[in-house]
Amino acid sequence: GNMASAIAVRGEEASIVAELKAGSEEAYNWLIAHYHQPIYSLVYRI
């Protein structure tokens, strides 16, 4: 089950990366919504 989940995650990530490389605005919005807060938190602590 864990292996199947990991494969699914990798497949989803590959799809997002492909959209990002294609310049998809929706994919960029997802990236910022998903990672902005954790990235800011990490940077702030440095």
All heavy atoms as atom14 arrays in JSON, in Angstrom:
{
  "sequence": "GNMASAIAVRGEEASIVAELKAGSEEAYNWLIAHYHQPIYSLVYRI",
  "atom14_mask": [
    [1, 1, 1, 1, 0, 0, 0, 0, 0, 0, 0, 0, 0, 0],
    [1, 1, 1, 1, 1, 1, 1, 1, 0, 0, 0, 0, 0, 0],
    [1, 1, 1, 1, 1, 1, 1, 1, 0, 0, 0, 0, 0, 0],
    [1, 1, 1, 1, 1, 0, 0, 0, 0, 0, 0, 0, 0, 0],
    [1, 1, 1, 1, 1, 1, 0, 0, 0, 0, 0, 0, 0, 0],
    [1, 1, 1, 1, 1, 0, 0, 0, 0, 0, 0, 0, 0, 0],
    [1, 1, 1, 1, 1, 1, 1, 1, 0, 0, 0, 0, 0, 0],
    [1, 1, 1, 1, 1, 0, 0, 0, 0, 0, 0, 0, 0, 0],
    [1, 1, 1, 1, 1, 1, 1, 0, 0, 0, 0, 0, 0, 0],
    [1, 1, 1, 1, 1, 1, 1, 1, 1, 1, 1, 0, 0, 0],
    [1, 1, 1, 1, 0, 0, 0, 0, 0, 0, 0, 0, 0, 0],
    [1, 1, 1, 1, 1, 1, 1, 1, 1, 0, 0, 0, 0, 0],
    [1, 1, 1, 1, 1, 1, 1, 1, 1, 0, 0, 0, 0, 0],
    [1, 1, 1, 1, 1, 0, 0, 0, 0, 0, 0, 0, 0, 0],
    [1, 1, 1, 1, 1, 1, 0, 0, 0, 0, 0, 0, 0, 0],
    [1, 1, 1, 1, 1, 1, 1, 1, 0, 0, 0, 0, 0, 0],
    [1, 1, 1, 1, 1, 1, 1, 0, 0, 0, 0, 0, 0, 0],
    [1, 1, 1, 1, 1, 0, 0, 0, 0, 0, 0, 0, 0, 0],
    [1, 1, 1, 1, 1, 1, 1, 1, 1, 0, 0, 0, 0, 0],
    [1, 1, 1, 1, 1, 1, 1, 1, 0, 0, 0, 0, 0, 0],
    [1, 1, 1, 1, 1, 1, 1, 1, 1, 0, 0, 0, 0, 0],
    [1, 1, 1, 1, 1, 0, 0, 0, 0, 0, 0, 0, 0, 0],
    [1, 1, 1, 1, 0, 0, 0, 0, 0, 0, 0, 0, 0, 0],
    [1, 1, 1, 1, 1, 1, 0, 0, 0, 0, 0, 0, 0, 0],
    [1, 1, 1, 1, 1, 1, 1, 1, 1, 0, 0, 0, 0, 0],
    [1, 1, 1, 1, 1, 1, 1, 1, 1, 0, 0, 0, 0, 0],
    [1, 1, 1, 1, 1, 0, 0, 0, 0, 0, 0, 0, 0, 0],
    [1, 1, 1, 1, 1, 1, 1, 1, 1, 1, 1, 1, 0, 0],
    [1, 1, 1, 1, 1, 1, 1, 1, 0, 0, 0, 0, 0, 0],
    [1, 1, 1, 1, 1, 1, 1, 1, 1, 1, 1, 1, 1, 1],
    [1, 1, 1, 1, 1, 1, 1, 1, 0, 0, 0, 0, 0, 0],
    [1, 1, 1, 1, 1, 1, 1, 1, 0, 0, 0, 0, 0, 0],
    [1, 1, 1, 1, 1, 0, 0, 0, 0, 0, 0, 0, 0, 0],
    [1, 1, 1, 1, 1, 1, 1, 1, 1, 1, 0, 0, 0, 0],
    [1, 1, 1, 1, 1, 1, 1, 1, 1, 1, 1, 1, 0, 0],
    [1, 1, 1, 1, 1, 1, 1, 1, 1, 1, 0, 0, 0, 0],
    [1, 1, 1, 1, 1, 1, 1, 1, 1, 0, 0, 0, 0, 0],
    [1, 1, 1, 1, 1, 1, 1, 0, 0, 0, 0, 0, 0, 0],
    [1, 1, 1, 1, 1, 1, 1, 1, 0, 0, 0, 0, 0, 0],
    [1, 1, 1, 1, 1, 1, 1, 1, 1, 1, 1, 1, 0, 0],
    [1, 1, 1, 1, 1, 1, 0, 0, 0, 0, 0, 0, 0, 0],
    [1, 1, 1, 1, 1, 1, 1, 1, 0, 0, 0, 0, 0, 0],
    [1, 1, 1, 1, 1, 1, 1, 0, 0, 0, 0, 0, 0, 0],
    [1, 1, 1, 1, 1, 1, 1, 1, 1, 1, 1, 1, 0, 0],
    [1, 1, 1, 1, 1, 1, 1, 1, 1, 1, 1, 0, 0, 0],
    [1, 1, 1, 1, 1, 1, 1, 1, 0, 0, 0, 0, 0, 0]
  ],
  "atom14_positions": [
    [[0.82, -1.21, 0.0], [0.0, 0.0, 0.0], [0.85, 1.25, 0.0], [0.56, 2.22, -0.71], [0.0, 0.0, 0.0], [0.0, 0.0, 0.0], [0.0, 0.0, 0.0], [0.0, 0.0, 0.0], [0.0, 0.0, 0.0], [0.0, 0.0, 0.0], [0.0, 0.0, 0.0], [0.0, 0.0, 0.0], [0.0, 0.0, 0.0], [0.0, 0.0, 0.0]],
    [[1.92, 1.26, 0.82], [2.82, 2.41, 0.88], [3.51, 2.63, -0.46], [3.72, 3.76, -0.89], [3.85, 2.22, 1.99], [3.23, 2.32, 3.37], [2.16, 2.9, 3.51], [3.89, 1.75, 4.36], [0.0, 0.0, 0.0], [0.0, 0.0, 0.0], [0.0, 0.0, 0.0], [0.0, 0.0, 0.0], [0.0, 0.0, 0.0], [0.0, 0.0, 0.0]],
    [[3.91, 1.52, -1.09], [4.59, 1.62, -2.39], [3.65, 2.21, -3.44], [4.04, 3.08, -4.22], [5.09, 0.24, -2.83], [5.87, 0.28, -4.14], [6.46, -1.37, -4.63], [7.56, -1.75, -3.29], [0.0, 0.0, 0.0], [0.0, 0.0, 0.0], [0.0, 0.0, 0.0], [0.0, 0.0, 0.0], [0.0, 0.0, 0.0], [0.0, 0.0, 0.0]],
    [[2.41, 1.74, -3.43], [1.43, 2.24, -4.39], [1.18, 3.72, -4.16], [1.06, 4.5, -5.11], [0.13, 1.45, -4.26], [0.0, 0.0, 0.0], [0.0, 0.0, 0.0], [0.0, 0.0, 0.0], [0.0, 0.0, 0.0], [0.0, 0.0, 0.0], [0.0, 0.0, 0.0], [0.0, 0.0, 0.0], [0.0, 0.0, 0.0], [0.0, 0.0, 0.0]],
    [[1.12, 4.11, -2.87], [0.9, 5.52, -2.54], [2.07, 6.38, -3.02], [1.88, 7.47, -3.56], [0.72, 5.67, -1.03], [0.59, 7.02, -0.67], [0.0, 0.0, 0.0], [0.0, 0.0, 0.0], [0.0, 0.0, 0.0], [0.0, 0.0, 0.0], [0.0, 0.0, 0.0], [0.0, 0.0, 0.0], [0.0, 0.0, 0.0], [0.0, 0.0, 0.0]],
    [[3.3, 5.88, -2.82], [4.49, 6.62, -3.23], [4.53, 6.78, -4.75], [4.87, 7.84, -5.27], [5.75, 5.89, -2.75], [0.0, 0.0, 0.0], [0.0, 0.0, 0.0], [0.0, 0.0, 0.0], [0.0, 0.0, 0.0], [0.0, 0.0, 0.0], [0.0, 0.0, 0.0], [0.0, 0.0, 0.0], [0.0, 0.0, 0.0], [0.0, 0.0, 0.0]],
    [[4.15, 5.72, -5.45], [4.12, 5.78, -6.92], [3.09, 6.8, -7.39], [3.33, 7.58, -8.31], [3.82, 4.39, -7.51], [5.0, 3.44, -7.25], [3.54, 4.49, -9.01], [4.72, 2.0, -7.61], [0.0, 0.0, 0.0], [0.0, 0.0, 0.0], [0.0, 0.0, 0.0], [0.0, 0.0, 0.0], [0.0, 0.0, 0.0], [0.0, 0.0, 0.0]],
    [[1.95, 6.83, -6.7], [0.89, 7.77, -7.06], [1.35, 9.21, -6.84], [1.09, 10.09, -7.66], [-0.37, 7.49, -6.24], [0.0, 0.0, 0.0], [0.0, 0.0, 0.0], [0.0, 0.0, 0.0], [0.0, 0.0, 0.0], [0.0, 0.0, 0.0], [0.0, 0.0, 0.0], [0.0, 0.0, 0.0], [0.0, 0.0, 0.0], [0.0, 0.0, 0.0]],
    [[2.05, 9.44, -5.72], [2.56, 10.78, -5.41], [3.56, 11.22, -6.46], [3.53, 12.36, -6.94], [3.19, 10.81, -4.01], [3.97, 12.12, -3.79], [2.12, 10.67, -2.94], [0.0, 0.0, 0.0], [0.0, 0.0, 0.0], [0.0, 0.0, 0.0], [0.0, 0.0, 0.0], [0.0, 0.0, 0.0], [0.0, 0.0, 0.0], [0.0, 0.0, 0.0]],
    [[4.48, 10.31, -6.82], [5.48, 10.64, -7.84], [4.82, 10.95, -9.18], [5.23, 11.85, -9.92], [6.48, 9.5, -7.99], [7.49, 9.42, -6.82], [8.67, 8.54, -7.21], [8.29, 7.16, -7.43], [8.27, 6.23, -6.48], [8.59, 6.54, -5.24], [7.93, 4.99, -6.76], [0.0, 0.0, 0.0], [0.0, 0.0, 0.0], [0.0, 0.0, 0.0]],
    [[3.76, 10.18, -9.5], [3.04, 10.43, -10.75], [2.36, 11.78, -10.75], [2.38, 12.51, -11.74], [0.0, 0.0, 0.0], [0.0, 0.0, 0.0], [0.0, 0.0, 0.0], [0.0, 0.0, 0.0], [0.0, 0.0, 0.0], [0.0, 0.0, 0.0], [0.0, 0.0, 0.0], [0.0, 0.0, 0.0], [0.0, 0.0, 0.0], [0.0, 0.0, 0.0]],
    [[1.76, 12.14, -9.61], [1.09, 13.44, -9.49], [2.11, 14.57, -9.59], [1.87, 15.58, -10.26], [0.36, 13.53, -8.15], [-0.38, 14.85, -7.95], [-1.05, 14.92, -6.59], [-0.86, 13.98, -5.79], [-1.73, 15.93, -6.32], [0.0, 0.0, 0.0], [0.0, 0.0, 0.0], [0.0, 0.0, 0.0], [0.0, 0.0, 0.0], [0.0, 0.0, 0.0]],
    [[3.26, 14.39, -8.93], [4.3, 15.41, -8.98], [4.83, 15.58, -10.4], [5.05, 16.71, -10.86], [5.45, 15.06, -8.03], [6.56, 16.1, -8.03], [7.62, 15.82, -7.0], [7.33, 15.96, -5.8], [8.75, 15.44, -7.39], [0.0, 0.0, 0.0], [0.0, 0.0, 0.0], [0.0, 0.0, 0.0], [0.0, 0.0, 0.0], [0.0, 0.0, 0.0]],
    [[5.03, 14.49, -11.11], [5.52, 14.56, -12.49], [4.53, 15.33, -13.36], [4.93, 16.11, -14.23], [5.72, 13.14, -13.05], [0.0, 0.0, 0.0], [0.0, 0.0, 0.0], [0.0, 0.0, 0.0], [0.0, 0.0, 0.0], [0.0, 0.0, 0.0], [0.0, 0.0, 0.0], [0.0, 0.0, 0.0], [0.0, 0.0, 0.0], [0.0, 0.0, 0.0]],
    [[3.24, 15.14, -13.1], [2.22, 15.86, -13.86], [2.28, 17.36, -13.56], [2.19, 18.19, -14.48], [0.84, 15.31, -13.5], [-0.18, 16.05, -14.12], [0.0, 0.0, 0.0], [0.0, 0.0, 0.0], [0.0, 0.0, 0.0], [0.0, 0.0, 0.0], [0.0, 0.0, 0.0], [0.0, 0.0, 0.0], [0.0, 0.0, 0.0], [0.0, 0.0, 0.0]],
    [[2.45, 17.71, -12.29], [2.54, 19.13, -11.9], [3.78, 19.77, -12.5], [3.73, 20.89, -13.02], [2.55, 19.25, -10.37], [1.18, 18.86, -9.8], [2.92, 20.68, -9.95], [1.16, 18.69, -8.31], [0.0, 0.0, 0.0], [0.0, 0.0, 0.0], [0.0, 0.0, 0.0], [0.0, 0.0, 0.0], [0.0, 0.0, 0.0], [0.0, 0.0, 0.0]],
    [[4.91, 19.06, -12.44], [6.15, 19.59, -12.99], [6.01, 19.83, -14.49], [6.46, 20.85, -15.03], [7.33, 18.64, -12.7], [8.57, 19.05, -13.51], [7.66, 18.63, -11.21], [0.0, 0.0, 0.0], [0.0, 0.0, 0.0], [0.0, 0.0, 0.0], [0.0, 0.0, 0.0], [0.0, 0.0, 0.0], [0.0, 0.0, 0.0], [0.0, 0.0, 0.0]],
    [[5.36, 18.88, -15.17], [5.15, 19.03, -16.62], [4.32, 20.28, -16.91], [4.61, 21.03, -17.86], [4.46, 17.78, -17.17], [0.0, 0.0, 0.0], [0.0, 0.0, 0.0], [0.0, 0.0, 0.0], [0.0, 0.0, 0.0], [0.0, 0.0, 0.0], [0.0, 0.0, 0.0], [0.0, 0.0, 0.0], [0.0, 0.0, 0.0], [0.0, 0.0, 0.0]],
    [[3.3, 20.52, -16.09], [2.46, 21.7, -16.28], [3.24, 22.98, -15.97], [3.07, 24.0, -16.65], [1.22, 21.6, -15.39], [0.23, 20.53, -15.82], [-1.02, 20.54, -14.96], [-1.4, 21.62, -14.48], [-1.61, 19.47, -14.78], [0.0, 0.0, 0.0], [0.0, 0.0, 0.0], [0.0, 0.0, 0.0], [0.0, 0.0, 0.0], [0.0, 0.0, 0.0]],
    [[4.07, 22.92, -14.94], [4.9, 24.09, -14.6], [5.85, 24.42, -15.76], [6.02, 25.59, -16.12], [5.7, 23.83, -13.33], [4.92, 23.81, -12.01], [5.79, 23.28, -10.88], [4.41, 25.21, -11.67], [0.0, 0.0, 0.0], [0.0, 0.0, 0.0], [0.0, 0.0, 0.0], [0.0, 0.0, 0.0], [0.0, 0.0, 0.0], [0.0, 0.0, 0.0]],
    [[6.45, 23.39, -16.32], [7.37, 23.6, -17.44], [6.66, 24.15, -18.67], [7.26, 24.86, -19.48], [8.09, 22.28, -17.77], [9.11, 21.86, -16.72], [9.86, 20.6, -17.13], [10.95, 20.25, -16.13], [11.73, 19.07, -16.52], [0.0, 0.0, 0.0], [0.0, 0.0, 0.0], [0.0, 0.0, 0.0], [0.0, 0.0, 0.0], [0.0, 0.0, 0.0]],
    [[5.37, 23.81, -18.77], [4.58, 24.3, -19.91], [4.06, 25.71, -19.67], [3.42, 26.3, -20.54], [3.42, 23.35, -20.18], [0.0, 0.0, 0.0], [0.0, 0.0, 0.0], [0.0, 0.0, 0.0], [0.0, 0.0, 0.0], [0.0, 0.0, 0.0], [0.0, 0.0, 0.0], [0.0, 0.0, 0.0], [0.0, 0.0, 0.0], [0.0, 0.0, 0.0]],
    [[4.32, 26.25, -18.47], [3.9, 27.61, -18.16], [2.47, 27.73, -17.67], [1.88, 28.82, -17.74], [0.0, 0.0, 0.0], [0.0, 0.0, 0.0], [0.0, 0.0, 0.0], [0.0, 0.0, 0.0], [0.0, 0.0, 0.0], [0.0, 0.0, 0.0], [0.0, 0.0, 0.0], [0.0, 0.0, 0.0], [0.0, 0.0, 0.0], [0.0, 0.0, 0.0]],
    [[1.91, 26.65, -17.14], [0.54, 26.67, -16.66], [0.38, 27.61, -15.46], [1.04, 27.44, -14.43], [0.1, 25.26, -16.25], [-1.09, 25.29, -15.51], [0.0, 0.0, 0.0], [0.0, 0.0, 0.0], [0.0, 0.0, 0.0], [0.0, 0.0, 0.0], [0.0, 0.0, 0.0], [0.0, 0.0, 0.0], [0.0, 0.0, 0.0], [0.0, 0.0, 0.0]],
    [[-0.5, 28.59, -15.59], [-0.75, 29.52, -14.49], [-1.39, 28.81, -13.31], [-1.1, 29.11, -12.15], [-1.66, 30.65, -14.97], [-1.89, 31.73, -13.92], [-2.7, 32.89, -14.45], [-2.89, 32.98, -15.69], [-3.16, 33.71, -13.64], [0.0, 0.0, 0.0], [0.0, 0.0, 0.0], [0.0, 0.0, 0.0], [0.0, 0.0, 0.0], [0.0, 0.0, 0.0]],
    [[-2.27, 27.86, -13.6], [-2.93, 27.09, -12.55], [-1.9, 26.31, -11.73], [-2.0, 26.22, -10.5], [-3.95, 26.14, -13.17], [-4.77, 25.38, -12.13], [-5.81, 24.47, -12.77], [-6.06, 24.62, -13.99], [-6.37, 23.63, -12.05], [0.0, 0.0, 0.0], [0.0, 0.0, 0.0], [0.0, 0.0, 0.0], [0.0, 0.0, 0.0], [0.0, 0.0, 0.0]],
    [[-0.91, 25.73, -12.4], [0.12, 24.97, -11.71], [0.97, 25.88, -10.83], [1.34, 25.51, -9.7], [1.0, 24.23, -12.71], [0.0, 0.0, 0.0], [0.0, 0.0, 0.0], [0.0, 0.0, 0.0], [0.0, 0.0, 0.0], [0.0, 0.0, 0.0], [0.0, 0.0, 0.0], [0.0, 0.0, 0.0], [0.0, 0.0, 0.0], [0.0, 0.0, 0.0]],
    [[1.28, 27.07, -11.33], [2.05, 28.02, -10.52], [1.26, 28.47, -9.3], [1.81, 28.61, -8.2], [2.44, 29.23, -11.37], [3.62, 28.99, -12.28], [3.49, 29.12, -13.66], [4.86, 28.62, -11.75], [4.57, 28.88, -14.5], [5.94, 28.39, -12.59], [5.8, 28.52, -13.96], [6.86, 28.29, -14.79], [0.0, 0.0, 0.0], [0.0, 0.0, 0.0]],
    [[-0.04, 28.69, -9.48], [-0.89, 29.07, -8.35], [-0.92, 27.97, -7.3], [-0.88, 28.23, -6.09], [-2.32, 29.38, -8.82], [-2.4, 30.66, -9.63], [-1.51, 31.51, -9.55], [-3.45, 30.79, -10.43], [0.0, 0.0, 0.0], [0.0, 0.0, 0.0], [0.0, 0.0, 0.0], [0.0, 0.0, 0.0], [0.0, 0.0, 0.0], [0.0, 0.0, 0.0]],
    [[-0.99, 26.72, -7.77], [-0.97, 25.58, -6.84], [0.35, 25.53, -6.08], [0.36, 25.3, -4.86], [-1.16, 24.28, -7.61], [-1.09, 23.06, -6.73], [-2.11, 22.45, -6.08], [0.11, 22.33, -6.38], [-1.64, 21.39, -5.34], [-0.28, 21.3, -5.5], [1.46, 22.47, -6.72], [0.63, 20.39, -4.97], [2.37, 21.57, -6.18], [1.96, 20.54, -5.32]],
    [[1.45, 25.74, -6.79], [2.77, 25.68, -6.18], [2.9, 26.72, -5.06], [3.37, 26.41, -3.96], [3.85, 25.92, -7.24], [5.3, 25.75, -6.77], [5.61, 24.27, -6.59], [6.26, 26.37, -7.78], [0.0, 0.0, 0.0], [0.0, 0.0, 0.0], [0.0, 0.0, 0.0], [0.0, 0.0, 0.0], [0.0, 0.0, 0.0], [0.0, 0.0, 0.0]],
    [[2.46, 27.94, -5.33], [2.56, 29.02, -4.34], [1.63, 28.74, -3.16], [2.01, 28.89, -2.0], [2.24, 30.38, -4.97], [3.33, 30.75, -5.98], [2.1, 31.47, -3.91], [3.05, 31.99, -6.8], [0.0, 0.0, 0.0], [0.0, 0.0, 0.0], [0.0, 0.0, 0.0], [0.0, 0.0, 0.0], [0.0, 0.0, 0.0], [0.0, 0.0, 0.0]],
    [[0.41, 28.31, -3.45], [-0.55, 28.02, -2.38], [-0.06, 26.88, -1.48], [-0.24, 26.91, -0.26], [-1.91, 27.66, -2.98], [0.0, 0.0, 0.0], [0.0, 0.0, 0.0], [0.0, 0.0, 0.0], [0.0, 0.0, 0.0], [0.0, 0.0, 0.0], [0.0, 0.0, 0.0], [0.0, 0.0, 0.0], [0.0, 0.0, 0.0], [0.0, 0.0, 0.0]],
    [[0.61, 25.91, -2.1], [1.04, 24.71, -1.36], [2.34, 24.93, -0.59], [2.51, 24.39, 0.5], [1.2, 23.56, -2.36], [1.23, 22.21, -1.72], [0.1, 21.61, -1.2], [2.25, 21.35, -1.5], [0.43, 20.43, -0.69], [1.72, 20.24, -0.85], [0.0, 0.0, 0.0], [0.0, 0.0, 0.0], [0.0, 0.0, 0.0], [0.0, 0.0, 0.0]],
    [[3.24, 25.73, -1.13], [4.58, 25.82, -0.56], [4.97, 27.19, 0.0], [6.02, 27.31, 0.65], [5.62, 25.41, -1.6], [5.67, 23.92, -1.84], [5.21, 23.37, -3.03], [6.17, 23.06, -0.86], [5.25, 22.01, -3.25], [6.22, 21.7, -1.07], [5.76, 21.17, -2.27], [5.81, 19.82, -2.47], [0.0, 0.0, 0.0], [0.0, 0.0, 0.0]],
    [[4.18, 28.23, -0.25], [4.6, 29.56, 0.18], [4.82, 29.63, 1.69], [5.86, 30.13, 2.15], [3.59, 30.63, -0.24], [4.05, 32.03, 0.03], [3.9, 32.63, 1.27], [4.67, 32.95, -0.76], [4.41, 33.85, 1.23], [4.88, 34.06, 0.01], [0.0, 0.0, 0.0], [0.0, 0.0, 0.0], [0.0, 0.0, 0.0], [0.0, 0.0, 0.0]],
    [[3.86, 29.15, 2.47], [3.97, 29.26, 3.92], [5.15, 28.46, 4.48], [5.94, 28.99, 5.29], [2.67, 28.84, 4.61], [2.67, 29.08, 6.12], [2.99, 30.51, 6.49], [2.42, 31.44, 5.91], [3.89, 30.72, 7.45], [0.0, 0.0, 0.0], [0.0, 0.0, 0.0], [0.0, 0.0, 0.0], [0.0, 0.0, 0.0], [0.0, 0.0, 0.0]],
    [[5.33, 27.19, 4.11], [6.49, 26.45, 4.65], [7.83, 27.04, 4.2], [8.79, 27.05, 4.97], [6.3, 25.02, 4.13], [5.29, 25.1, 3.05], [4.43, 26.28, 3.36], [0.0, 0.0, 0.0], [0.0, 0.0, 0.0], [0.0, 0.0, 0.0], [0.0, 0.0, 0.0], [0.0, 0.0, 0.0], [0.0, 0.0, 0.0], [0.0, 0.0, 0.0]],
    [[7.89, 27.56, 2.96], [9.14, 28.18, 2.51], [9.41, 29.46, 3.29], [10.54, 29.71, 3.73], [9.08, 28.46, 0.99], [9.06, 27.17, 0.19], [10.26, 29.34, 0.56], [10.31, 26.32, 0.32], [0.0, 0.0, 0.0], [0.0, 0.0, 0.0], [0.0, 0.0, 0.0], [0.0, 0.0, 0.0], [0.0, 0.0, 0.0], [0.0, 0.0, 0.0]],
    [[8.37, 30.27, 3.49], [8.54, 31.5, 4.28], [9.0, 31.17, 5.7], [9.89, 31.82, 6.25], [7.24, 32.3, 4.33], [7.33, 33.49, 5.26], [7.87, 34.7, 4.83], [6.89, 33.4, 6.58], [7.97, 35.79, 5.69], [7.0, 34.47, 7.45], [7.54, 35.66, 7.0], [7.65, 36.72, 7.86], [0.0, 0.0, 0.0], [0.0, 0.0, 0.0]],
    [[8.38, 30.16, 6.29], [8.73, 29.75, 7.66], [10.2, 29.35, 7.75], [10.91, 29.74, 8.68], [7.83, 28.59, 8.09], [8.22, 28.09, 9.36], [0.0, 0.0, 0.0], [0.0, 0.0, 0.0], [0.0, 0.0, 0.0], [0.0, 0.0, 0.0], [0.0, 0.0, 0.0], [0.0, 0.0, 0.0], [0.0, 0.0, 0.0], [0.0, 0.0, 0.0]],
    [[10.65, 28.57, 6.78], [12.05, 28.13, 6.76], [12.98, 29.32, 6.58], [13.97, 29.47, 7.31], [12.24, 27.13, 5.61], [13.68, 26.68, 5.32], [14.27, 25.96, 6.52], [13.71, 25.79, 4.09], [0.0, 0.0, 0.0], [0.0, 0.0, 0.0], [0.0, 0.0, 0.0], [0.0, 0.0, 0.0], [0.0, 0.0, 0.0], [0.0, 0.0, 0.0]],
    [[12.69, 30.18, 5.64], [13.53, 31.35, 5.36], [13.58, 32.28, 6.56], [14.65, 32.77, 6.95], [13.02, 32.11, 4.11], [13.71, 33.46, 3.98], [13.25, 31.27, 2.86], [0.0, 0.0, 0.0], [0.0, 0.0, 0.0], [0.0, 0.0, 0.0], [0.0, 0.0, 0.0], [0.0, 0.0, 0.0], [0.0, 0.0, 0.0], [0.0, 0.0, 0.0]],
    [[12.43, 32.51, 7.19], [12.38, 33.41, 8.34], [13.28, 32.92, 9.47], [13.96, 33.7, 10.13], [10.95, 33.54, 8.85], [10.86, 34.33, 10.14], [11.04, 35.72, 10.14], [10.63, 33.69, 11.35], [11.0, 36.44, 11.32], [10.59, 34.4, 12.53], [10.77, 35.78, 12.51], [10.73, 36.48, 13.7], [0.0, 0.0, 0.0], [0.0, 0.0, 0.0]],
    [[13.3, 31.62, 9.68], [14.11, 31.09, 10.77], [15.61, 31.19, 10.47], [16.44, 31.07, 11.37], [13.72, 29.65, 11.05], [12.37, 29.53, 11.77], [12.1, 28.12, 12.25], [11.0, 28.11, 13.17], [9.74, 27.77, 12.87], [9.45, 27.43, 11.62], [8.79, 27.78, 13.77], [0.0, 0.0, 0.0], [0.0, 0.0, 0.0], [0.0, 0.0, 0.0]],
    [[15.95, 31.4, 9.22], [17.36, 31.58, 8.86], [17.75, 33.05, 8.9], [18.78, 33.42, 9.45], [17.66, 30.98, 7.48], [17.45, 29.45, 7.51], [19.08, 31.31, 7.03], [17.59, 28.78, 6.15], [0.0, 0.0, 0.0], [0.0, 0.0, 0.0], [0.0, 0.0, 0.0], [0.0, 0.0, 0.0], [0.0, 0.0, 0.0], [0.0, 0.0, 0.0]]
  ]
}
